[in-house]
Amino acid sequence: MEDNVVQVTITDRQGVTHELEAPTDMNMNIMELCKAAELPVKGTCGGMALCSTCHVYVLSDHELPEMSEDEEDMLDQAFFVEDNSRLGCQLHISDDYEGLKLQLAPESEE
Protein backbone atom coordinates (compact mmCIF):
# COMPACT_ATOMS: atom_id res chain seq x y z
CA MET A 1 0.00 0.00 0.00
CA GLU A 2 2.88 2.38 0.72
CA ASP A 3 3.58 2.58 -3.02
CA ASN A 4 0.46 4.67 -3.58
CA VAL A 5 0.88 7.03 -0.63
CA VAL A 6 2.72 10.32 -0.15
CA GLN A 7 3.33 12.24 3.07
CA VAL A 8 1.76 15.72 3.16
CA THR A 9 2.13 18.13 6.09
CA ILE A 10 -0.70 20.58 6.68
CA THR A 11 -0.63 23.31 9.33
CA ASP A 12 -4.08 24.25 10.56
CA ARG A 13 -5.29 27.72 11.53
CA GLN A 14 -4.18 27.19 15.15
CA GLY A 15 -0.61 26.44 14.05
CA VAL A 16 -0.85 22.69 14.69
CA THR A 17 0.86 20.55 12.06
CA HIS A 18 -0.75 17.38 10.79
CA GLU A 19 1.32 14.69 9.04
CA LEU A 20 -1.11 13.07 6.61
CA GLU A 21 -0.79 10.06 4.36
CA ALA A 22 -2.32 10.95 1.01
CA PRO A 23 -3.30 8.23 -1.47
CA THR A 24 -2.08 8.88 -5.01
CA ASP A 25 -4.33 6.31 -6.66
CA MET A 26 -7.77 7.67 -5.72
CA ASN A 27 -7.81 10.95 -7.70
CA MET A 28 -8.18 12.87 -4.42
CA ASN A 29 -7.34 16.53 -4.08
CA ILE A 30 -5.94 18.46 -1.11
CA MET A 31 -9.40 19.74 -0.09
CA GLU A 32 -10.70 16.16 0.11
CA LEU A 33 -7.63 15.08 2.07
CA CYS A 34 -8.22 17.89 4.59
CA LYS A 35 -11.88 16.94 4.95
CA ALA A 36 -10.99 13.26 5.41
CA ALA A 37 -8.57 14.30 8.18
CA GLU A 38 -11.35 16.43 9.72
CA LEU A 39 -9.44 19.67 9.25
CA PRO A 40 -11.66 22.76 9.09
CA VAL A 41 -11.91 23.09 5.32
CA LYS A 42 -15.41 23.64 4.02
CA GLY A 43 -15.03 23.00 0.31
CA THR A 44 -18.43 24.60 -0.15
CA CYS A 45 -18.49 24.31 -3.95
CA GLY A 46 -17.45 20.65 -3.98
CA GLY A 47 -14.17 21.20 -5.78
CA MET A 48 -15.31 23.29 -8.74
CA ALA A 49 -13.05 26.33 -8.02
CA LEU A 50 -16.21 28.37 -7.38
CA CYS A 51 -15.43 29.39 -3.80
CA SER A 52 -12.25 29.84 -1.78
CA THR A 53 -13.09 27.84 1.35
CA CYS A 54 -10.19 25.43 0.63
CA HIS A 55 -7.60 28.23 0.21
CA VAL A 56 -4.12 27.05 1.26
CA TYR A 57 -0.59 28.44 1.27
CA VAL A 58 2.11 26.27 -0.31
CA LEU A 59 5.08 26.33 2.08
CA SER A 60 7.40 23.87 0.33
CA ASP A 61 9.21 24.29 -2.95
CA HIS A 62 7.23 21.75 -4.97
CA GLU A 63 6.59 21.96 -8.69
CA LEU A 64 2.80 22.22 -8.87
CA PRO A 65 0.49 22.27 -11.89
CA GLU A 66 -0.20 25.64 -13.46
CA MET A 67 -3.14 27.52 -12.02
CA SER A 68 -6.27 27.43 -14.17
CA GLU A 69 -8.05 30.62 -15.12
CA ASP A 70 -10.95 29.63 -12.85
CA GLU A 71 -8.60 29.18 -9.90
CA GLU A 72 -6.89 32.53 -10.58
CA ASP A 73 -10.27 34.28 -10.83
CA MET A 74 -11.44 32.75 -7.54
CA LEU A 75 -8.24 33.70 -5.71
CA ASP A 76 -8.63 37.26 -7.03
CA GLN A 77 -11.80 37.44 -4.92
CA ALA A 78 -10.47 35.59 -1.85
CA PHE A 79 -9.25 37.11 1.41
CA PHE A 80 -5.64 36.90 2.62
CA VAL A 81 -4.21 35.92 -0.78
CA GLU A 82 -0.42 35.57 -0.96
CA ASP A 83 1.98 34.71 -3.79
CA ASN A 84 1.91 31.07 -2.63
CA SER A 85 -1.91 30.81 -2.45
CA ARG A 86 -3.69 27.92 -4.14
CA LEU A 87 -7.11 26.30 -3.93
CA GLY A 88 -6.80 22.88 -2.35
CA CYS A 89 -9.50 21.46 -4.62
CA GLN A 90 -7.33 22.18 -7.65
CA LEU A 91 -4.30 20.30 -6.34
CA HIS A 92 -4.82 16.63 -7.24
CA ILE A 93 -2.56 14.39 -5.18
CA SER A 94 0.21 12.69 -7.13
CA ASP A 95 3.58 11.07 -6.45
CA ASP A 96 5.15 14.52 -7.02
CA TYR A 97 3.56 15.74 -3.77
CA GLU A 98 5.80 13.65 -1.46
CA GLY A 99 6.80 15.97 1.40
CA LEU A 100 4.43 18.78 0.34
CA LYS A 101 3.91 21.36 3.09
CA LEU A 102 0.76 23.49 3.20
CA GLN A 103 -0.94 25.84 5.60
CA LEU A 104 -4.67 26.54 5.77
CA ALA A 105 -5.35 30.18 4.94
CA PRO A 106 -7.34 32.24 7.47
CA GLU A 107 -11.08 32.12 6.98
CA SER A 108 -12.73 35.12 5.34
CA GLU A 109 -14.20 37.91 7.40
CA GLU A 110 -17.84 37.02 6.83
C-alpha atoms as a PDB file:
ATOM      1  CA  MET A   1       0.000   0.000   0.000  1.00  0.00           C
ATOM      2  CA  GLU A   2       2.881   2.378   0.725  1.00  0.00           C
ATOM      3  CA  ASP A   3       3.581   2.584  -3.018  1.00  0.00           C
ATOM      4  CA  ASN A   4       0.464   4.670  -3.585  1.00  0.00           C
ATOM      5  CA  VAL A   5       0.875   7.035  -0.628  1.00  0.00           C
ATOM      6  CA  VAL A   6       2.724  10.322  -0.147  1.00  0.00           C
ATOM      7  CA  GLN A   7       3.332  12.243   3.070  1.00  0.00           C
ATOM      8  CA  VAL A   8       1.756  15.717   3.162  1.00  0.00           C
ATOM      9  CA  THR A   9       2.130  18.133   6.089  1.00  0.00           C
ATOM     10  CA  ILE A  10      -0.705  20.582   6.683  1.00  0.00           C
ATOM     11  CA  THR A  11      -0.626  23.311   9.325  1.00  0.00           C
ATOM     12  CA  ASP A  12      -4.085  24.245  10.563  1.00  0.00           C
ATOM     13  CA  ARG A  13      -5.287  27.721  11.532  1.00  0.00           C
ATOM     14  CA  GLN A  14      -4.183  27.192  15.148  1.00  0.00           C
ATOM     15  CA  GLY A  15      -0.608  26.444  14.053  1.00  0.00           C
ATOM     16  CA  VAL A  16      -0.851  22.687  14.690  1.00  0.00           C
ATOM     17  CA  THR A  17       0.864  20.551  12.065  1.00  0.00           C
ATOM     18  CA  HIS A  18      -0.746  17.384  10.788  1.00  0.00           C
ATOM     19  CA  GLU A  19       1.320  14.686   9.038  1.00  0.00           C
ATOM     20  CA  LEU A  20      -1.108  13.067   6.612  1.00  0.00           C
ATOM     21  CA  GLU A  21      -0.791  10.062   4.356  1.00  0.00           C
ATOM     22  CA  ALA A  22      -2.321  10.949   1.010  1.00  0.00           C
ATOM     23  CA  PRO A  23      -3.297   8.230  -1.470  1.00  0.00           C
ATOM     24  CA  THR A  24      -2.078   8.879  -5.007  1.00  0.00           C
ATOM     25  CA  ASP A  25      -4.328   6.308  -6.665  1.00  0.00           C
ATOM     26  CA  MET A  26      -7.771   7.669  -5.723  1.00  0.00           C
ATOM     27  CA  ASN A  27      -7.810  10.949  -7.701  1.00  0.00           C
ATOM     28  CA  MET A  28      -8.181  12.873  -4.419  1.00  0.00           C
ATOM     29  CA  ASN A  29      -7.335  16.530  -4.079  1.00  0.00           C
ATOM     30  CA  ILE A  30      -5.940  18.461  -1.114  1.00  0.00           C
ATOM     31  CA  MET A  31      -9.397  19.741  -0.087  1.00  0.00           C
ATOM     32  CA  GLU A  32     -10.704  16.162   0.115  1.00  0.00           C
ATOM     33  CA  LEU A  33      -7.626  15.083   2.068  1.00  0.00           C
ATOM     34  CA  CYS A  34      -8.224  17.891   4.585  1.00  0.00           C
ATOM     35  CA  LYS A  35     -11.883  16.942   4.948  1.00  0.00           C
ATOM     36  CA  ALA A  36     -10.986  13.260   5.412  1.00  0.00           C
ATOM     37  CA  ALA A  37      -8.572  14.299   8.178  1.00  0.00           C
ATOM     38  CA  GLU A  38     -11.348  16.427   9.724  1.00  0.00           C
ATOM     39  CA  LEU A  39      -9.436  19.666   9.252  1.00  0.00           C
ATOM     40  CA  PRO A  40     -11.660  22.761   9.093  1.00  0.00           C
ATOM     41  CA  VAL A  41     -11.909  23.090   5.321  1.00  0.00           C
ATOM     42  CA  LYS A  42     -15.409  23.642   4.015  1.00  0.00           C
ATOM     43  CA  GLY A  43     -15.028  22.997   0.305  1.00  0.00           C
ATOM     44  CA  THR A  44     -18.426  24.599  -0.152  1.00  0.00           C
ATOM     45  CA  CYS A  45     -18.492  24.306  -3.947  1.00  0.00           C
ATOM     46  CA  GLY A  46     -17.448  20.653  -3.984  1.00  0.00           C
ATOM     47  CA  GLY A  47     -14.168  21.203  -5.781  1.00  0.00           C
ATOM     48  CA  MET A  48     -15.307  23.291  -8.737  1.00  0.00           C
ATOM     49  CA  ALA A  49     -13.052  26.332  -8.015  1.00  0.00           C
ATOM     50  CA  LEU A  50     -16.207  28.372  -7.376  1.00  0.00           C
ATOM     51  CA  CYS A  51     -15.429  29.391  -3.796  1.00  0.00           C
ATOM     52  CA  SER A  52     -12.250  29.839  -1.777  1.00  0.00           C
ATOM     53  CA  THR A  53     -13.085  27.845   1.351  1.00  0.00           C
ATOM     54  CA  CYS A  54     -10.191  25.434   0.631  1.00  0.00           C
ATOM     55  CA  HIS A  55      -7.597  28.226   0.209  1.00  0.00           C
ATOM     56  CA  VAL A  56      -4.125  27.050   1.258  1.00  0.00           C
ATOM     57  CA  TYR A  57      -0.591  28.444   1.267  1.00  0.00           C
ATOM     58  CA  VAL A  58       2.114  26.265  -0.312  1.00  0.00           C
ATOM     59  CA  LEU A  59       5.078  26.325   2.079  1.00  0.00           C
ATOM     60  CA  SER A  60       7.400  23.866   0.331  1.00  0.00           C
ATOM     61  CA  ASP A  61       9.213  24.291  -2.950  1.00  0.00           C
ATOM     62  CA  HIS A  62       7.234  21.747  -4.971  1.00  0.00           C
ATOM     63  CA  GLU A  63       6.593  21.958  -8.686  1.00  0.00           C
ATOM     64  CA  LEU A  64       2.798  22.220  -8.873  1.00  0.00           C
ATOM     65  CA  PRO A  65       0.489  22.266 -11.895  1.00  0.00           C
ATOM     66  CA  GLU A  66      -0.199  25.636 -13.460  1.00  0.00           C
ATOM     67  CA  MET A  67      -3.140  27.520 -12.021  1.00  0.00           C
ATOM     68  CA  SER A  68      -6.274  27.429 -14.170  1.00  0.00           C
ATOM     69  CA  GLU A  69      -8.046  30.623 -15.120  1.00  0.00           C
ATOM     70  CA  ASP A  70     -10.953  29.631 -12.850  1.00  0.00           C
ATOM     71  CA  GLU A  71      -8.602  29.179  -9.899  1.00  0.00           C
ATOM     72  CA  GLU A  72      -6.895  32.531 -10.581  1.00  0.00           C
ATOM     73  CA  ASP A  73     -10.271  34.280 -10.827  1.00  0.00           C
ATOM     74  CA  MET A  74     -11.438  32.753  -7.542  1.00  0.00           C
ATOM     75  CA  LEU A  75      -8.236  33.702  -5.708  1.00  0.00           C
ATOM     76  CA  ASP A  76      -8.629  37.260  -7.033  1.00  0.00           C
ATOM     77  CA  GLN A  77     -11.804  37.440  -4.919  1.00  0.00           C
ATOM     78  CA  ALA A  78     -10.473  35.594  -1.854  1.00  0.00           C
ATOM     79  CA  PHE A  79      -9.254  37.111   1.405  1.00  0.00           C
ATOM     80  CA  PHE A  80      -5.636  36.905   2.623  1.00  0.00           C
ATOM     81  CA  VAL A  81      -4.215  35.917  -0.780  1.00  0.00           C
ATOM     82  CA  GLU A  82      -0.423  35.574  -0.960  1.00  0.00           C
ATOM     83  CA  ASP A  83       1.982  34.705  -3.785  1.00  0.00           C
ATOM     84  CA  ASN A  84       1.912  31.073  -2.627  1.00  0.00           C
ATOM     85  CA  SER A  85      -1.907  30.815  -2.449  1.00  0.00           C
ATOM     86  CA  ARG A  86      -3.694  27.917  -4.139  1.00  0.00           C
ATOM     87  CA  LEU A  87      -7.112  26.305  -3.927  1.00  0.00           C
ATOM     88  CA  GLY A  88      -6.800  22.876  -2.347  1.00  0.00           C
ATOM     89  CA  CYS A  89      -9.500  21.456  -4.620  1.00  0.00           C
ATOM     90  CA  GLN A  90      -7.329  22.182  -7.650  1.00  0.00           C
ATOM     91  CA  LEU A  91      -4.303  20.299  -6.337  1.00  0.00           C
ATOM     92  CA  HIS A  92      -4.816  16.629  -7.241  1.00  0.00           C
ATOM     93  CA  ILE A  93      -2.563  14.394  -5.177  1.00  0.00           C
ATOM     94  CA  SER A  94       0.212  12.695  -7.128  1.00  0.00           C
ATOM     95  CA  ASP A  95       3.577  11.073  -6.450  1.00  0.00           C
ATOM     96  CA  ASP A  96       5.149  14.515  -7.016  1.00  0.00           C
ATOM     97  CA  TYR A  97       3.565  15.744  -3.770  1.00  0.00           C
ATOM     98  CA  GLU A  98       5.796  13.654  -1.464  1.00  0.00           C
ATOM     99  CA  GLY A  99       6.799  15.970   1.397  1.00  0.00           C
ATOM    100  CA  LEU A 100       4.426  18.777   0.338  1.00  0.00           C
ATOM    101  CA  LYS A 101       3.907  21.359   3.090  1.00  0.00           C
ATOM    102  CA  LEU A 102       0.759  23.491   3.197  1.00  0.00           C
ATOM    103  CA  GLN A 103      -0.944  25.841   5.595  1.00  0.00           C
ATOM    104  CA  LEU A 104      -4.671  26.542   5.765  1.00  0.00           C
ATOM    105  CA  ALA A 105      -5.347  30.184   4.943  1.00  0.00           C
ATOM    106  CA  PRO A 106      -7.336  32.237   7.472  1.00  0.00           C
ATOM    107  CA  GLU A 107     -11.083  32.120   6.976  1.00  0.00           C
ATOM    108  CA  SER A 108     -12.728  35.115   5.342  1.00  0.00           C
ATOM    109  CA  GLU A 109     -14.205  37.912   7.397  1.00  0.00           C
ATOM    110  CA  GLU A 110     -17.841  37.018   6.831  1.00  0.00           C
END
